[in-house]
Protein backbone atom coordinates (compact mmCIF):
# COMPACT_ATOMS: atom_id res chain seq x y z
CA MET A 1 69.11 69.62 181.14
CA GLU A 2 71.84 72.25 181.21
CA GLY A 3 73.12 72.96 177.68
CA ASN A 4 70.55 70.66 176.05
CA THR A 5 68.70 72.20 173.11
CA ALA A 6 66.91 69.01 172.05
CA PRO A 7 63.12 69.25 171.62
CA PHE A 8 60.84 68.22 174.46
CA SER A 9 59.69 64.61 174.64
CA ILE A 10 57.44 65.54 177.58
CA ASN A 11 55.98 69.02 178.03
CA MET A 12 53.42 69.46 180.80
CA ARG A 13 51.94 72.75 181.92
CA ASN A 14 49.71 73.27 184.96
CA ILE A 15 48.63 69.64 185.20
CA HIS A 16 45.86 68.91 187.70
CA LYS A 17 44.26 65.56 188.43
CA ARG A 18 41.07 65.30 190.45
CA PHE A 19 38.92 62.32 191.36
CA TYR A 20 35.22 62.19 192.41
CA ILE A 21 34.71 65.56 190.72
CA GLY A 22 31.72 67.48 192.03
CA GLN A 23 31.17 65.10 194.93
CA PRO A 24 31.67 65.87 198.64
CA ASN A 25 34.74 63.61 198.65
CA GLU A 26 36.39 65.28 195.62
CA LEU A 27 40.13 64.68 195.80
CA GLU A 28 42.88 66.63 194.04
CA ILE A 29 46.05 64.54 193.62
CA LEU A 30 48.08 66.71 191.22
CA LYS A 31 48.00 70.45 191.90
CA GLY A 32 49.50 72.29 188.97
CA ILE A 33 52.49 70.23 187.80
CA ASP A 34 54.89 71.76 185.26
CA LEU A 35 57.28 69.16 183.83
CA GLN A 36 59.57 69.25 180.82
CA VAL A 37 61.81 66.38 179.71
CA ARG A 38 64.00 66.81 176.66
CA GLN A 39 64.59 64.18 174.01
CA GLY A 40 67.39 61.85 175.07
CA GLU A 41 67.36 62.93 178.72
CA PHE A 42 67.51 60.53 181.69
CA VAL A 43 65.30 61.98 184.43
CA SER A 44 64.07 60.66 187.78
CA ILE A 45 60.84 61.60 189.51
CA VAL A 46 61.14 61.14 193.25
CA GLY A 47 58.49 61.27 195.92
CA ALA A 48 57.17 59.48 198.98
CA SER A 49 54.15 57.20 198.86
CA GLY A 50 51.08 59.37 198.30
CA SER A 51 53.03 62.23 196.72
CA GLY A 52 51.26 61.83 193.39
CA LYS A 53 54.11 60.30 191.41
CA SER A 54 52.09 57.23 190.31
CA THR A 55 49.23 59.45 189.17
CA LEU A 56 51.71 61.58 187.26
CA MET A 57 53.25 58.47 185.71
CA ASN A 58 49.83 57.32 184.47
CA ILE A 59 49.28 60.66 182.73
CA ILE A 60 52.78 60.72 181.22
CA GLY A 61 52.20 57.19 179.91
CA ALA A 62 48.78 58.04 178.43
CA LEU A 63 47.16 55.54 180.79
CA ASP A 64 45.01 58.36 182.20
CA ARG A 65 44.16 61.95 181.33
CA ALA A 66 44.71 65.14 183.27
CA THR A 67 41.63 66.91 184.61
CA GLU A 68 43.14 70.28 183.73
CA GLY A 69 46.29 71.55 182.01
CA GLU A 70 48.20 70.88 178.80
CA TYR A 71 50.36 67.88 177.92
CA GLU A 72 52.39 67.40 174.76
CA LEU A 73 54.07 64.05 174.06
CA ASP A 74 56.70 64.36 171.33
CA GLY A 75 54.86 67.47 170.13
CA VAL A 76 51.43 65.80 170.07
CA PRO A 77 48.78 67.64 172.19
CA MET A 78 47.43 64.76 174.25
CA ASN A 79 44.29 66.73 175.18
CA GLU A 80 43.23 66.47 171.53
CA VAL A 81 43.95 62.75 171.04
CA PRO A 82 40.74 60.66 171.00
CA ASP A 83 40.52 57.73 173.41
CA ASP A 84 40.73 55.12 170.65
CA MET A 85 44.16 56.41 169.62
CA LEU A 86 45.74 56.39 173.08
CA SER A 87 46.57 52.68 172.91
CA GLU A 88 48.37 53.24 169.60
CA ILE A 89 50.44 56.04 171.14
CA ARG A 90 51.31 53.83 174.11
CA CYS A 91 52.28 51.02 171.76
CA TYR A 92 54.68 53.01 169.58
CA LYS A 93 55.86 55.94 171.68
CA ILE A 94 56.40 54.51 175.17
CA GLY A 95 57.97 51.38 176.61
CA PHE A 96 56.74 50.52 180.12
CA VAL A 97 58.76 48.76 182.82
CA PHE A 98 56.97 48.02 186.11
CA GLN A 99 58.09 46.84 189.53
CA THR A 100 55.91 43.72 189.21
CA PHE A 101 57.25 42.81 185.71
CA ASN A 102 53.74 42.15 184.26
CA LEU A 103 54.88 39.19 182.19
CA ILE A 104 52.33 36.72 180.81
CA PRO A 105 52.90 33.64 183.01
CA ARG A 106 52.10 30.81 180.59
CA THR A 107 54.29 31.89 177.70
CA THR A 108 58.04 31.99 177.15
CA ALA A 109 60.35 34.95 177.58
CA LEU A 110 60.66 35.09 173.79
CA SER A 111 56.88 35.23 173.30
CA ASN A 112 56.53 37.88 176.01
CA VAL A 113 58.99 40.13 174.19
CA ALA A 114 57.43 39.47 170.79
CA LEU A 115 53.85 40.19 171.90
CA PRO A 116 53.84 44.01 171.46
CA MET A 117 55.02 43.54 167.88
CA LEU A 118 52.09 41.23 167.18
CA TYR A 119 49.72 44.10 168.02
CA SER A 120 51.76 46.29 165.67
CA GLY A 121 51.29 43.96 162.71
CA VAL A 122 54.92 42.80 162.47
CA SER A 123 55.38 39.46 160.69
CA ALA A 124 56.05 36.35 162.77
CA MET A 125 59.57 35.96 161.42
CA ALA A 126 60.48 39.58 162.09
CA ARG A 127 58.94 39.41 165.58
CA SER A 128 60.99 36.39 166.49
CA ARG A 129 64.20 37.85 165.07
CA ARG A 130 63.86 41.15 166.94
CA ALA A 131 62.73 39.48 170.19
CA LYS A 132 65.81 37.24 170.14
CA ALA A 133 68.08 40.23 169.48
CA LEU A 134 66.53 42.18 172.36
CA LEU A 135 66.88 39.26 174.77
CA GLU A 136 70.53 38.97 173.76
CA LEU A 137 70.91 42.70 174.41
CA VAL A 138 69.74 42.32 178.01
CA GLY A 139 71.76 39.16 178.64
CA MET A 140 68.84 36.74 178.44
CA GLY A 141 69.61 34.98 175.19
CA GLU A 142 70.15 31.62 176.89
CA ARG A 143 66.87 31.86 178.81
CA MET A 144 64.54 32.89 175.99
CA LYS A 145 62.60 29.60 176.02
CA HIS A 146 61.99 29.68 179.78
CA MET A 147 58.65 30.53 181.36
CA PRO A 148 58.48 33.45 183.82
CA ASN A 149 58.14 31.06 186.80
CA GLU A 150 61.51 29.59 185.80
CA LEU A 151 63.23 32.97 186.04
CA SER A 152 64.54 34.98 188.97
CA GLY A 153 63.21 38.46 189.70
CA GLY A 154 66.15 40.11 187.99
CA GLN A 155 65.78 37.88 184.94
CA LYS A 156 62.08 38.71 184.73
CA GLN A 157 62.88 42.42 184.84
CA ARG A 158 65.44 42.06 182.06
CA VAL A 159 62.78 40.31 179.95
CA ALA A 160 60.40 43.17 180.80
CA ILE A 161 62.99 45.71 179.62
CA ALA A 162 63.44 43.78 176.37
CA ARG A 163 59.65 43.76 175.92
CA ALA A 164 59.52 47.52 176.54
CA MET A 165 61.96 47.94 173.63
CA ALA A 166 59.97 45.73 171.24
CA ASN A 167 58.51 48.54 169.11
CA ASP A 168 61.61 50.74 169.49
CA PRO A 169 59.85 53.47 171.50
CA ALA A 170 61.49 56.85 171.97
CA ILE A 171 60.59 56.94 175.67
CA ILE A 172 61.08 54.36 178.43
CA LEU A 173 58.89 54.88 181.50
CA ALA A 174 60.17 52.83 184.43
CA ASP A 175 58.06 52.67 187.60
CA GLU A 176 60.16 51.46 190.58
CA PRO A 177 61.93 48.95 188.29
CA THR A 178 64.33 47.77 191.02
CA GLY A 179 61.84 47.89 193.88
CA ALA A 180 61.39 44.10 194.08
CA LEU A 181 65.06 43.25 193.49
CA ASP A 182 68.11 42.83 195.71
CA SER A 183 70.86 45.43 195.38
CA ASN A 184 73.13 43.37 193.09
CA THR A 185 70.31 42.53 190.69
CA GLY A 186 69.06 46.11 190.84
CA ARG A 187 72.53 47.23 189.77
CA ILE A 188 72.30 45.06 186.65
CA VAL A 189 68.91 46.56 185.78
CA MET A 190 70.13 50.14 186.26
CA ASP A 191 73.15 49.42 184.08
CA LEU A 192 70.76 48.31 181.33
CA PHE A 193 68.91 51.62 181.56
CA HIS A 194 72.19 53.53 181.33
CA ASN A 195 73.09 51.49 178.26
CA LEU A 196 69.76 52.25 176.58
CA HIS A 197 70.20 55.94 177.36
CA GLU A 198 73.85 56.32 176.38
CA LYS A 199 74.08 53.96 173.41
CA GLN A 200 70.58 54.13 171.96
CA GLY A 201 69.61 57.66 172.92
CA LYS A 202 66.39 56.70 174.67
CA THR A 203 64.55 59.22 176.79
CA ILE A 204 64.17 57.53 180.18
CA ILE A 205 61.91 58.59 183.03
CA LEU A 206 62.58 56.71 186.26
CA ILE A 207 59.91 56.80 188.96
CA THR A 208 61.50 55.94 192.30
CA HIS A 209 61.50 56.56 196.03
CA ASN A 210 65.21 55.64 196.18
CA PRO A 211 67.42 58.77 196.31
CA GLU A 212 70.56 56.77 195.47
CA LEU A 213 69.07 55.60 192.18
CA ALA A 214 67.81 59.08 191.43
CA GLN A 215 71.34 60.47 191.77
CA GLU A 216 72.41 58.30 188.83
CA THR A 217 70.12 60.27 186.51
CA GLN A 218 70.88 63.58 184.83
CA ARG A 219 68.09 65.47 186.58
CA ILE A 220 66.01 64.81 189.70
CA ILE A 221 62.45 66.12 190.04
CA THR A 222 61.01 65.83 193.53
CA ILE A 223 57.27 65.99 194.07
CA SER A 224 55.33 66.25 197.31
CA ASP A 225 51.61 66.60 197.90
CA GLY A 226 50.96 66.80 194.16
CA GLN A 227 53.44 69.58 193.41
CA VAL A 228 57.02 69.85 192.16
CA ILE A 229 59.00 71.12 195.13
CA ARG A 230 62.54 70.82 193.79
CA GLU A 231 64.56 70.22 190.63
CA GLU A 232 68.27 69.50 190.72
CA MET A 233 70.98 67.95 188.60
CA GLY A 234 72.03 64.40 189.42
CA ASP A 235 75.14 65.75 191.12
CA GLY A 236 73.03 67.86 193.50
CA ARG A 237 73.35 71.22 191.73
CA PRO A 238 70.09 73.18 191.39
CA CYS A 239 68.70 73.32 187.85
CA ILE A 240 69.18 76.63 186.07
């Protein structure tokens, strides 16, 4: 971001991702991606279906590894992290928000938000206290005892955002978070992301196909056919 001297949260260099390696149907999805996101930046990654943005998201979120290239997450070389430590990095470093919410259906909103803290060894009392505070933060305090099937799509997504914040991650990775919502509800969700960015200093990476949402972010990175084809500021100016 112009004028930003903060360290990189995400630093990718020459990232390739191939599937069916060495077979006749070998497929290269990412073809040399360079991507840098600074600490505290709100960035969108835009691309059509099949552009490679979901594959890129999986690598950013340590859900998958690059076939080739270098990736540093908050200064940690991800190429050198053993597989058994990736889940720990995902737990503490990154909060995930998905289009389909991914809530556990037979447990309350409160328990859904508290669950990541259980895996982190937080005491039951502290889990409950923080989960309640996070649900209040996203305007769901009065619905904390409801099951997911008793909530609207927008309410489910607000619970999902609260859950993503459970372990106070530095980075929020949001994959089409408004894709299943109507425009009014989507506006509420985007306002929550702006609040997390502006008031809590979270680094937010928004994966979207919606150019209007992308324009709300500080920087827009457009990918096509597995390559970055354009970077611009949220107001349309080219990045320097």
